[in-house]
Amino acid sequence: MTAVEFCEVFILDYASFKKYVQINESIMQKLTETANARMKLTLNAEEEHKKQLHEKIARESLVD
């Protein structure tokens, strides 16, 4: 992340964060949706990477 202008960064400890999201259901729902979407993207990227590695190994073994 890169700030394009001066900004302040605040750190919220886990206990305070958990307390806050428990009383703000819409925020918890949005965080869960975002986390799930990012996890899906990550898993898809990992699978694609594995596929490409297997294909590369197969091509290299044909050359040998």
C-alpha atoms as a PDB file:
ATOM      1  CA  MET A   1       0.000   0.000   0.000  1.00  0.00           C
ATOM      2  CA  THR A   2       1.293   3.445  -0.867  1.00  0.00           C
ATOM      3  CA  ALA A   3      -0.130   6.674   0.492  1.00  0.00           C
ATOM      4  CA  VAL A   4      -0.440   9.452  -2.079  1.00  0.00           C
ATOM      5  CA  GLU A   5      -0.601  12.107   0.598  1.00  0.00           C
ATOM      6  CA  PHE A   6       0.093  12.472   4.291  1.00  0.00           C
ATOM      7  CA  CYS A   7      -1.987  10.113   6.393  1.00  0.00           C
ATOM      8  CA  GLU A   8      -2.112   8.624   9.853  1.00  0.00           C
ATOM      9  CA  VAL A   9      -2.088   4.912  10.547  1.00  0.00           C
ATOM     10  CA  PHE A  10      -3.835   3.564  13.600  1.00  0.00           C
ATOM     11  CA  ILE A  11      -3.262   0.155  15.110  1.00  0.00           C
ATOM     12  CA  LEU A  12      -6.160  -1.640  16.719  1.00  0.00           C
ATOM     13  CA  ASP A  13      -5.289  -4.570  18.967  1.00  0.00           C
ATOM     14  CA  TYR A  14      -7.056  -7.863  18.288  1.00  0.00           C
ATOM     15  CA  ALA A  15      -9.297  -7.741  21.373  1.00  0.00           C
ATOM     16  CA  SER A  16     -10.593  -4.276  20.473  1.00  0.00           C
ATOM     17  CA  PHE A  17     -11.028  -5.248  16.837  1.00  0.00           C
ATOM     18  CA  LYS A  18     -12.960  -8.389  17.749  1.00  0.00           C
ATOM     19  CA  LYS A  19     -15.197  -6.446  20.142  1.00  0.00           C
ATOM     20  CA  TYR A  20     -15.877  -3.815  17.474  1.00  0.00           C
ATOM     21  CA  VAL A  21     -16.788  -6.224  14.688  1.00  0.00           C
ATOM     22  CA  GLN A  22     -18.994  -8.290  16.987  1.00  0.00           C
ATOM     23  CA  ILE A  23     -21.233  -5.288  17.579  1.00  0.00           C
ATOM     24  CA  ASN A  24     -21.092  -4.152  13.933  1.00  0.00           C
ATOM     25  CA  GLU A  25     -22.530  -7.091  12.009  1.00  0.00           C
ATOM     26  CA  SER A  26     -22.412  -5.384   8.600  1.00  0.00           C
ATOM     27  CA  ILE A  27     -18.674  -4.754   8.951  1.00  0.00           C
ATOM     28  CA  MET A  28     -18.063  -8.363   9.980  1.00  0.00           C
ATOM     29  CA  GLN A  29     -20.090  -9.579   7.009  1.00  0.00           C
ATOM     30  CA  LYS A  30     -18.124  -7.379   4.591  1.00  0.00           C
ATOM     31  CA  LEU A  31     -14.788  -8.462   6.069  1.00  0.00           C
ATOM     32  CA  THR A  32     -15.819 -12.108   5.792  1.00  0.00           C
ATOM     33  CA  GLU A  33     -16.928 -11.655   2.166  1.00  0.00           C
ATOM     34  CA  THR A  34     -13.686  -9.889   1.281  1.00  0.00           C
ATOM     35  CA  ALA A  35     -11.559 -12.506   3.041  1.00  0.00           C
ATOM     36  CA  ASN A  36     -13.416 -15.337   1.293  1.00  0.00           C
ATOM     37  CA  ALA A  37     -13.030 -13.688  -2.112  1.00  0.00           C
ATOM     38  CA  ARG A  38      -9.295 -13.143  -1.541  1.00  0.00           C
ATOM     39  CA  MET A  39      -8.878 -16.744  -0.380  1.00  0.00           C
ATOM     40  CA  LYS A  40     -10.611 -17.977  -3.526  1.00  0.00           C
ATOM     41  CA  LEU A  41      -8.310 -15.852  -5.714  1.00  0.00           C
ATOM     42  CA  THR A  42      -5.267 -17.109  -3.842  1.00  0.00           C
ATOM     43  CA  LEU A  43      -6.298 -20.761  -4.167  1.00  0.00           C
ATOM     44  CA  ASN A  44      -6.999 -20.312  -7.880  1.00  0.00           C
ATOM     45  CA  ALA A  45      -3.600 -18.675  -8.391  1.00  0.00           C
ATOM     46  CA  GLU A  46      -1.874 -21.492  -6.514  1.00  0.00           C
ATOM     47  CA  GLU A  47      -3.641 -24.123  -8.614  1.00  0.00           C
ATOM     48  CA  GLU A  48      -2.703 -22.321 -11.830  1.00  0.00           C
ATOM     49  CA  HIS A  49       0.917 -22.104 -10.679  1.00  0.00           C
ATOM     50  CA  LYS A  50       0.999 -25.837  -9.882  1.00  0.00           C
ATOM     51  CA  LYS A  51      -0.486 -26.609 -13.286  1.00  0.00           C
ATOM     52  CA  GLN A  52       2.152 -24.500 -15.039  1.00  0.00           C
ATOM     53  CA  LEU A  53       4.952 -26.175 -13.061  1.00  0.00           C
ATOM     54  CA  HIS A  54       3.670 -29.642 -13.967  1.00  0.00           C
ATOM     55  CA  GLU A  55       3.418 -28.649 -17.632  1.00  0.00           C
ATOM     56  CA  LYS A  56       6.958 -27.248 -17.569  1.00  0.00           C
ATOM     57  CA  ILE A  57       8.325 -30.417 -15.976  1.00  0.00           C
ATOM     58  CA  ALA A  58       6.497 -32.544 -18.549  1.00  0.00           C
ATOM     59  CA  ARG A  59       7.916 -30.482 -21.445  1.00  0.00           C
ATOM     60  CA  GLU A  60      11.431 -30.649 -20.014  1.00  0.00           C
ATOM     61  CA  SER A  61      11.228 -34.409 -19.586  1.00  0.00           C
ATOM     62  CA  LEU A  62      10.298 -34.767 -23.270  1.00  0.00           C
ATOM     63  CA  VAL A  63      13.406 -32.822 -24.263  1.00  0.00           C
ATOM     64  CA  ASP A  64      15.755 -35.008 -22.197  1.00  0.00           C
END
